[in-house]
């Protein structure tokens, strides 16, 4: 994935970089008006707009399995949609989300192994939509298990079932 720095001359920006610039402008005003001592770097990537959070208060966004990062991502995604920005927004801080993704994949694989051994379904803890998607993707090619999401709202979770055998 190629990172492209955002040029300082707005008239020289391709349309996708203009999207990143508009989001960066909003984010700059948002951070200035907030009580948090953070700095946000917006990077224009081919598939998405990446926001990296740094600064003394960044730890506040990482508490409770990164819920602050996810909340900011949801907020910025809605702002982006209102501003006509078509690409998704991804918020991270020092690769926290990448580490969390690897942890979720490992949890999914271990739960799938337990399902295969015990021959009974396993319910994972409630997850946000992004986390549930990671679990579904991690196990989609496993011929011995299948996944489904169940529940509503904040209680929605992934259930891993043994896949029925075809006769």
Foldseek 3Di string as FASTA:
>chain_A
DDWDAQDPDLVPDDPQSVLQVVLQVVVVVVVVPDPDFWDWDWIRDPQAIEIEIDDDRVVVCPPPNRVNQVVVQVVSQVVSVVVVNDHGYHYDYPCSVVVSLVVLLVVLVVLLVVCQVVQAKDKDFFDDPVSQVSSQVSCVPPQQWHWDWDDDDRRITIMIHGDDDDD
